[in-house]
Amino acid sequence: MWARPNLMASKKILYVHGFASSGQSGTVKALRVLLPSTEIIAPDLPVEPQKAMALLEDICSTEKPDLIIGSSMGGMYAERLKGFPRILVNPAFCLADTLLKNNGLGRQQFHNPREDGETSFLVTKGLLEEFRECSSKCFDGIPEIDPLHPTPGDYLPEQEKVWGLFGTRDTLVDTYPLFASHYPNAVWFDGEHYLNDHALLHSVLPIIQRIEDAVEGRTRKSILIGLEDTLADLRHAVQRGKDLPEAEPENSALKAFATLSQDYQLWVLSTAPFNHPEKWGEAAAWVRDNLGTAAYDRVILSNRKDMILGDYVIDRYPSRFSLPDSMGTVIEYGSDTFRTWEDILEYFGRLGGQ
């Protein structure tokens, strides 16, 4: 049901596993189910980081993957594989310190079967120093940026190739600030340190789609969607004495957003009150916490929704915001024709991305 056969079809993804894992991890199996038309290359990595990097560099040279995904320790390795589009999931840039903190010295068991049949390995202080040396080479040639004052257009092409995904409930590593000080696309997602099917489907796949669209130069029809009372049920939140941060999603809104994002470029429109700028951040926070990576960096705050150009506009109050005068096709959420999000999905399902 959730497989995406058209996503990365006939292309190659190199998956770089985490510490004590292997190329037979559950994540690899899930990726092969979700992306049935994609070749997933997932080698068992040597324990020694120098040997692991040599193997990965050789694979990149011979296989020329279209995308590299690295998780945890694999994210650290993947950062160093310059020249390829990459997704780093909870990258363990300080692996030696993380292992020391979590009693990682001594005999360790592999979490998954390996082709060489090994079931355990030894972590020594010498191995920790090798990891520390390997980590020290991350970000080589990548200048620092100010995450609070980015300057679009000044990034190196290499900086645009890399996305970092960071679980909001990751208790093992915390490298978001380090990553964000070198790369602009630092994204929080609803998840823990280890990937599960939900995180892959709702957080990783949308970023894969963005990367593929950018590489292919593919443009999609755009849909502008109102936030208040269209995606977020603000009316009933206010009735209960709450505000936007506590508002529940409209019924089926999250499903609709995830479904539509597969064929369209979605933008969230919010009309935060001009005289209360402290409210502006609430819109972005609600989108981040509820809509996930599909909505990353796609929030527009405007008191004139009719001035924003899109192919389609979905909003509960089109007349209030002069949307009937906009150039896009206006869909009034809650009207007799589009009473629910299911009605809207049925409409766009017939359009097929047009």
Protein backbone atom coordinates (compact mmCIF):
# COMPACT_ATOMS: atom_id res chain seq x y z
CA MET A 1 0.00 0.00 0.00
CA TRP A 2 2.75 2.43 0.91
CA ALA A 3 5.30 1.35 -1.71
CA ARG A 4 6.56 4.08 -4.04
CA PRO A 5 7.57 2.24 -7.25
CA ASN A 6 8.06 5.48 -9.19
CA LEU A 7 10.33 7.08 -6.61
CA MET A 8 14.03 6.62 -7.51
CA ALA A 9 12.99 4.07 -10.14
CA SER A 10 15.95 2.34 -11.84
CA LYS A 11 18.37 4.26 -9.61
CA LYS A 12 20.80 3.28 -6.88
CA ILE A 13 20.80 4.14 -3.19
CA LEU A 14 23.80 3.34 -1.03
CA TYR A 15 22.68 2.73 2.55
CA VAL A 16 25.39 3.06 5.21
CA HIS A 17 24.39 1.31 8.42
CA GLY A 18 25.05 2.34 11.99
CA PHE A 19 27.31 1.01 14.75
CA ALA A 20 27.07 -2.76 15.37
CA SER A 21 24.57 -3.17 12.55
CA SER A 22 24.86 -4.66 9.05
CA GLY A 23 23.49 -4.52 5.53
CA GLN A 24 20.72 -6.90 6.62
CA SER A 25 19.11 -4.49 9.05
CA GLY A 26 15.38 -3.92 9.25
CA THR A 27 15.87 -0.47 7.73
CA VAL A 28 17.38 -1.96 4.60
CA LYS A 29 14.55 -4.47 4.28
CA ALA A 30 11.97 -1.71 4.71
CA LEU A 31 13.65 0.49 2.09
CA ARG A 32 13.51 -2.36 -0.41
CA VAL A 33 9.77 -2.75 0.24
CA LEU A 34 9.04 0.98 0.06
CA LEU A 35 11.21 1.55 -3.03
CA PRO A 36 10.70 -1.65 -5.05
CA SER A 37 12.10 -0.17 -8.28
CA THR A 38 15.31 1.03 -6.64
CA GLU A 39 18.56 -0.87 -6.19
CA ILE A 40 19.53 -0.65 -2.52
CA ILE A 41 23.25 -1.25 -1.98
CA ALA A 42 23.89 -2.09 1.67
CA PRO A 43 27.33 -3.50 2.47
CA ASP A 44 28.46 -4.87 5.82
CA LEU A 45 31.02 -2.35 7.06
CA PRO A 46 34.33 -3.35 8.62
CA VAL A 47 34.58 -2.41 12.28
CA GLU A 48 37.74 -0.35 11.68
CA PRO A 49 36.78 3.12 10.34
CA GLN A 50 39.68 3.40 7.90
CA LYS A 51 38.71 0.10 6.29
CA ALA A 52 35.04 1.11 6.30
CA MET A 53 35.80 4.41 4.55
CA ALA A 54 37.98 2.65 1.98
CA LEU A 55 35.16 0.20 1.21
CA LEU A 56 32.59 2.98 0.87
CA GLU A 57 34.83 5.08 -1.36
CA ASP A 58 35.41 2.07 -3.60
CA ILE A 59 31.67 1.38 -3.84
CA CYS A 60 31.00 5.03 -4.71
CA SER A 61 33.68 4.88 -7.41
CA THR A 62 32.36 1.71 -9.02
CA GLU A 63 28.59 1.91 -8.41
CA LYS A 64 28.14 5.71 -8.58
CA PRO A 65 25.01 5.76 -6.40
CA ASP A 66 22.35 8.38 -7.09
CA LEU A 67 21.81 8.92 -3.36
CA ILE A 68 23.56 7.96 -0.12
CA ILE A 69 21.65 7.49 3.15
CA GLY A 70 23.69 7.11 6.32
CA SER A 71 22.28 6.40 9.75
CA SER A 72 24.08 7.18 13.04
CA MET A 73 27.69 6.04 12.52
CA GLY A 74 26.79 5.65 8.85
CA GLY A 75 25.81 9.30 8.80
CA MET A 76 29.30 10.25 9.92
CA TYR A 77 30.81 8.15 7.13
CA ALA A 78 28.33 9.45 4.55
CA GLU A 79 29.18 13.07 5.30
CA ARG A 80 32.70 12.41 4.05
CA LEU A 81 31.54 10.92 0.73
CA LYS A 82 31.62 14.23 -1.09
CA GLY A 83 30.01 14.81 -4.45
CA PHE A 84 26.85 12.73 -3.92
CA PRO A 85 23.39 13.76 -2.68
CA ARG A 86 23.22 12.53 0.90
CA ILE A 87 20.79 12.14 3.77
CA LEU A 88 22.35 11.85 7.22
CA VAL A 89 19.95 10.45 9.81
CA ASN A 90 20.94 11.20 13.42
CA PRO A 91 24.62 11.32 12.38
CA ALA A 92 27.02 10.26 15.13
CA PHE A 93 29.80 12.76 14.48
CA CYS A 94 31.17 12.19 18.01
CA LEU A 95 30.93 8.41 18.03
CA ALA A 96 33.94 7.81 20.30
CA ASP A 97 32.46 10.02 23.03
CA THR A 98 29.02 8.46 22.56
CA LEU A 99 30.45 4.97 23.03
CA LEU A 100 32.34 5.98 26.16
CA LYS A 101 29.21 7.58 27.59
CA ASN A 102 27.15 4.44 26.95
CA ASN A 103 29.67 1.84 28.16
CA GLY A 104 30.63 0.86 24.64
CA LEU A 105 34.07 -0.55 25.48
CA GLY A 106 34.72 -4.27 25.43
CA ARG A 107 33.01 -7.09 23.60
CA GLN A 108 29.93 -5.96 21.63
CA GLN A 109 27.32 -8.01 19.77
CA PHE A 110 26.26 -7.26 16.22
CA HIS A 111 22.56 -6.41 16.08
CA ASN A 112 22.01 -8.08 12.70
CA PRO A 113 23.45 -11.07 10.81
CA ARG A 114 26.54 -10.42 8.68
CA GLU A 115 27.81 -12.10 5.56
CA ASP A 116 31.12 -12.97 7.23
CA GLY A 117 29.25 -14.80 10.00
CA GLU A 118 30.77 -12.71 12.79
CA THR A 119 28.47 -12.19 15.75
CA SER A 120 30.59 -9.96 17.98
CA PHE A 121 33.55 -7.58 17.94
CA LEU A 122 35.87 -5.87 20.41
CA VAL A 123 35.84 -2.13 21.09
CA THR A 124 39.20 -0.97 22.47
CA LYS A 125 40.56 2.44 23.35
CA GLY A 126 42.61 2.21 20.17
CA LEU A 127 39.45 1.73 18.12
CA LEU A 128 37.89 4.75 19.82
CA GLU A 129 40.88 6.84 18.77
CA GLU A 130 40.41 5.63 15.20
CA PHE A 131 36.77 6.76 15.32
CA ARG A 132 37.87 10.09 16.78
CA GLU A 133 40.36 10.59 13.96
CA CYS A 134 37.73 9.65 11.38
CA SER A 135 35.24 12.12 12.87
CA SER A 136 37.84 14.90 12.83
CA LYS A 137 37.79 14.81 9.03
CA CYS A 138 34.07 15.50 8.81
CA PHE A 139 33.21 18.94 7.40
CA ASP A 140 36.59 19.24 5.68
CA GLY A 141 36.23 21.99 3.09
CA ILE A 142 32.74 22.90 4.31
CA PRO A 143 32.64 26.48 5.65
CA GLU A 144 30.62 27.35 8.71
CA ILE A 145 27.29 29.14 8.39
CA ASP A 146 25.12 30.95 10.91
CA PRO A 147 21.88 28.95 11.22
CA LEU A 148 20.07 32.04 12.57
CA HIS A 149 21.28 34.34 9.77
CA PRO A 150 21.72 32.18 6.66
CA THR A 151 22.62 33.83 3.39
CA PRO A 152 20.88 31.98 0.55
CA GLY A 153 22.97 31.94 -2.59
CA ASP A 154 26.28 31.83 -0.75
CA TYR A 155 26.26 28.09 -0.09
CA LEU A 156 28.72 25.84 -1.84
CA PRO A 157 27.12 23.28 -4.19
CA GLU A 158 28.31 20.60 -1.76
CA GLN A 159 26.34 22.18 1.08
CA GLU A 160 23.13 21.99 -0.95
CA LYS A 161 23.63 18.25 -1.55
CA VAL A 162 23.37 17.21 2.10
CA TRP A 163 20.29 16.89 4.30
CA GLY A 164 20.40 16.14 8.01
CA LEU A 165 17.44 14.46 9.74
CA PHE A 166 17.32 14.60 13.53
CA GLY A 167 14.84 12.70 15.68
CA THR A 168 13.07 14.82 18.27
CA ARG A 169 13.27 11.89 20.71
CA ASP A 170 16.84 10.79 20.02
CA THR A 171 18.53 10.18 23.39
CA LEU A 172 21.83 8.81 22.05
CA VAL A 173 23.34 11.57 19.92
CA ASP A 174 22.83 15.32 19.67
CA THR A 175 24.68 16.68 16.66
CA TYR A 176 22.02 19.01 15.25
CA PRO A 177 23.95 22.20 16.20
CA LEU A 178 27.17 20.87 14.66
CA PHE A 179 25.47 19.85 11.41
CA ALA A 180 23.42 23.07 11.18
CA SER A 181 26.59 25.15 11.51
CA HIS A 182 27.82 23.70 8.20
CA TYR A 183 24.76 22.69 6.18
CA PRO A 184 21.49 24.62 5.68
CA ASN A 185 19.08 21.67 5.41
CA ALA A 186 18.88 20.56 9.04
CA VAL A 187 15.46 19.02 9.68
CA TRP A 188 13.78 17.70 12.82
CA PHE A 189 11.52 14.68 12.46
CA ASP A 190 9.20 12.81 14.80
CA GLY A 191 11.31 9.85 15.79
CA GLU A 192 14.00 8.30 17.96
CA HIS A 193 17.61 7.41 17.18
CA TYR A 194 16.84 4.24 15.26
CA LEU A 195 14.70 4.41 12.16
CA ASN A 196 11.39 2.59 12.04
CA ASP A 197 8.85 2.14 9.25
CA HIS A 198 6.90 5.26 10.25
CA ALA A 199 9.99 7.48 10.17
CA LEU A 200 11.09 6.04 6.83
CA LEU A 201 7.69 6.55 5.25
CA HIS A 202 6.82 9.98 6.63
CA SER A 203 10.24 11.57 7.17
CA VAL A 204 12.87 9.99 4.91
CA LEU A 205 10.85 9.36 1.74
CA PRO A 206 9.66 12.99 1.42
CA ILE A 207 13.29 14.14 1.51
CA ILE A 208 14.27 11.52 -1.05
CA GLN A 209 11.53 12.91 -3.28
CA ARG A 210 12.83 16.47 -2.86
CA ILE A 211 16.33 15.39 -3.76
CA GLU A 212 15.18 13.47 -6.82
CA ASP A 213 13.03 16.39 -7.99
CA ALA A 214 15.98 18.77 -7.63
CA VAL A 215 18.40 16.48 -9.45
CA GLU A 216 15.92 15.82 -12.26
CA GLY A 217 14.87 19.47 -12.49
CA ARG A 218 11.31 18.31 -12.01
CA THR A 219 8.61 20.87 -11.24
CA ARG A 220 5.27 19.92 -9.76
CA LYS A 221 1.97 21.76 -9.64
CA SER A 222 1.72 23.76 -6.43
CA ILE A 223 -1.05 23.67 -3.83
CA LEU A 224 -1.34 26.44 -1.25
CA ILE A 225 -3.14 25.20 1.88
CA GLY A 226 -4.48 27.39 4.63
CA LEU A 227 -3.28 26.50 8.11
CA GLU A 228 -5.95 27.87 10.43
CA ASP A 229 -9.19 25.83 10.32
CA THR A 230 -8.07 24.00 7.18
CA LEU A 231 -5.10 21.95 8.39
CA ALA A 232 -5.29 22.90 12.09
CA ASP A 233 -8.62 22.89 13.92
CA LEU A 234 -8.07 26.27 15.52
CA ARG A 235 -11.78 27.04 16.02
CA HIS A 236 -12.36 24.22 18.46
CA ALA A 237 -9.01 24.80 20.16
CA VAL A 238 -10.04 28.39 20.93
CA GLN A 239 -13.42 27.19 22.21
CA ARG A 240 -11.51 25.03 24.70
CA GLY A 241 -9.36 27.97 25.78
CA LYS A 242 -6.33 26.80 23.82
CA ASP A 243 -4.31 28.33 20.98
CA LEU A 244 -2.65 27.14 17.78
CA PRO A 245 0.16 25.11 19.42
CA GLU A 246 -2.46 22.88 21.09
CA ALA A 247 -4.81 22.70 18.10
CA GLU A 248 -5.57 19.24 16.77
CA PRO A 249 -5.28 18.58 13.04
CA GLU A 250 -8.49 18.67 11.05
CA ASN A 251 -9.90 15.21 10.46
CA SER A 252 -7.79 13.36 7.82
CA ALA A 253 -5.66 16.49 7.23
CA LEU A 254 -2.37 14.73 7.99
CA LYS A 255 -3.23 11.82 5.69
CA ALA A 256 -4.26 14.25 2.96
CA PHE A 257 -1.08 16.30 3.27
CA ALA A 258 1.13 13.22 3.08
CA THR A 259 -0.79 11.85 0.10
CA LEU A 260 -0.89 15.09 -1.88
CA SER A 261 2.80 15.74 -1.29
CA GLN A 262 3.65 12.71 -3.42
CA ASP A 263 2.37 14.41 -6.59
CA TYR A 264 2.27 18.12 -5.77
CA GLN A 265 4.46 20.77 -4.20
CA LEU A 266 2.62 21.87 -1.07
CA TRP A 267 2.89 25.20 0.72
CA VAL A 268 1.22 26.09 4.02
CA LEU A 269 -0.33 29.56 4.25
CA SER A 270 -0.86 31.19 7.63
CA THR A 271 -2.35 34.56 8.54
CA ALA A 272 -0.66 35.25 11.86
CA PRO A 273 -1.89 38.59 13.28
CA PHE A 274 0.38 41.44 12.21
CA ASN A 275 0.28 43.19 15.57
CA HIS A 276 1.28 40.04 17.46
CA PRO A 277 4.55 38.88 15.91
CA GLU A 278 5.06 36.52 18.85
CA LYS A 279 2.41 34.36 17.17
CA TRP A 280 4.33 34.01 13.90
CA GLY A 281 6.56 31.26 15.18
CA GLU A 282 3.58 29.22 16.35
CA ALA A 283 2.54 28.52 12.76
CA ALA A 284 5.94 27.15 11.79
CA ALA A 285 6.11 25.11 15.01
CA TRP A 286 2.67 23.55 14.40
CA VAL A 287 3.64 22.64 10.84
CA ARG A 288 6.95 21.13 11.98
CA ASP A 289 5.36 19.10 14.77
CA ASN A 290 2.36 17.84 12.78
CA LEU A 291 3.20 17.75 9.08
CA GLY A 292 6.82 16.61 9.24
CA THR A 293 9.53 16.81 6.61
CA ALA A 294 7.12 17.11 3.68
CA ALA A 295 6.40 20.66 4.88
CA TYR A 296 9.96 21.59 5.81
CA ASP A 297 10.79 25.17 4.76
CA ARG A 298 7.42 25.56 3.04
CA VAL A 299 5.48 27.88 5.35
CA ILE A 300 4.31 31.28 4.10
CA LEU A 301 3.08 33.94 6.54
CA SER A 302 0.91 36.50 4.81
CA ASN A 303 -2.09 38.70 5.54
CA ARG A 304 -2.86 38.72 1.80
CA LYS A 305 -3.27 35.13 0.71
CA ASP A 306 -4.57 36.30 -2.67
CA MET A 307 -1.13 37.75 -3.44
CA ILE A 308 0.54 34.33 -3.29
CA LEU A 309 0.63 32.56 -6.65
CA GLY A 310 -0.18 28.85 -6.78
CA ASP A 311 -1.91 26.42 -9.11
CA TYR A 312 -4.46 25.48 -6.43
CA VAL A 313 -5.56 27.07 -3.16
CA ILE A 314 -7.34 25.15 -0.40
CA ASP A 315 -8.85 27.26 2.37
CA ARG A 316 -11.92 27.33 4.61
CA TYR A 317 -12.40 31.10 4.23
CA PRO A 318 -11.64 32.01 0.60
CA SER A 319 -13.91 35.08 0.56
CA ARG A 320 -12.36 36.54 3.70
CA PHE A 321 -8.92 36.53 2.07
CA SER A 322 -10.06 37.58 -1.45
CA LEU A 323 -8.97 34.19 -2.74
CA PRO A 324 -11.65 34.03 -5.46
CA ASP A 325 -9.62 36.79 -7.17
CA SER A 326 -6.41 34.73 -7.10
CA MET A 327 -5.07 33.14 -10.28
CA GLY A 328 -5.16 29.60 -8.91
CA THR A 329 -8.07 27.17 -8.72
CA VAL A 330 -9.77 27.82 -5.37
CA ILE A 331 -11.09 24.90 -3.33
CA GLU A 332 -13.28 25.87 -0.37
CA TYR A 333 -12.66 23.37 2.39
CA GLY A 334 -15.88 22.65 4.28
CA SER A 335 -18.15 23.63 1.37
CA ASP A 336 -20.86 21.34 0.01
CA THR A 337 -18.50 20.13 -2.73
CA PHE A 338 -15.42 19.73 -0.56
CA ARG A 339 -16.87 19.06 2.86
CA THR A 340 -14.02 16.86 4.04
CA TRP A 341 -10.38 16.17 3.22
CA GLU A 342 -11.49 12.85 1.79
CA ASP A 343 -13.53 14.78 -0.80
CA ILE A 344 -10.44 16.80 -1.67
CA LEU A 345 -8.29 13.68 -2.01
CA GLU A 346 -10.85 12.17 -4.34
CA TYR A 347 -10.76 15.33 -6.48
CA PHE A 348 -6.97 15.41 -6.77
CA GLY A 349 -6.86 11.65 -7.24
CA ARG A 350 -8.79 12.14 -10.48
CA LEU A 351 -6.36 14.87 -11.58
CA GLY A 352 -3.31 12.62 -11.12
CA GLY A 353 -0.82 15.41 -10.46
CA GLN A 354 -2.19 17.80 -13.08
